[in-house]
Amino acid sequence: MRPAGNGVDPVLYPDIVRAGSLQRALQAECDAAGHQLRAFLPSAPGWRQVGARVEDNQWCTNVLMARLERSFSVNFWARGVLMARGSTGDLSEVAGAAATWRSGVRVRDLGAAWAYVRFGPLAEAHERGEAAEFTWRRYAENAHQAPQLTRLASFVNLAIQEPRMRALMPFTSHWRLGFSRTVGYPYSGDCPWVIPLDDGRYQVRAADGREWGIGDATASLNLVLAALDDPTPS
């Protein structure tokens, strides 16, 4: 599903054209239904007509219009974590789900209330406060199946046994393994990176990019633990 450009198709979206933007149309839907919500413009300037967000404290619902069909892509966030998503052609369903989400329900209740909403086990792990350990387990189980994890397998299988590592949220970026002291965005940005090398060893780099060292899985894990204690390479 591709987001629409600045031009809004009057055949697919006559209500949006009449309102002047998705933000205005969504606000009108919220007001008509009696939802005590405020719709804001998206932060990206290019999406001012075709995007909107409903935000209140740590709950946020982002909405974006599709280009080739009438469809609103909806993402549900809480405390910096994408918890659920879905798409619908009915703007009243967008407003209704945003109101349900803002009420503080769990993702399973949101999905039960709105059939177009989808969520996964990671979202429920976040609700239980187990997101980091869940992600470590998923990485270990998929280490020989997911391409971005294959060369990290020996490190992951060792690191998952270390309680200090399981307390961190692991994530991958550009084939590198990173860690965060926070489970939601933005990540903490103060932890080292583990980069797999062609010879089966790993390079450990500090958060600022400076090299800590190179070694096998055991040596690299020790380097990471040392970097967590003192983030400045000697």
Foldseek 3Di string as FASTA:
>chain_A
DAFAWPDDDCVQCVQLVVQVAPQSSLQVLCVVVVQPWHKDADPDPRCRRFKIKTDDVFWIKIWGAHHPHQKIWIFIGGNQDGFKIFMDNDSNLVSVLSSVVVVPDQQVVSCVVRVGIDGDPLSVCVVVVQNLLVQLVVLQVCQCPDPLRVLVNVLSVVQNVPVVNSCWRWDDDPSKIDTANDDHPPGPLFFWIWHGDPVSKIWIATSVGHTQDIDHSVVVSVSRVVCVVPVDHD
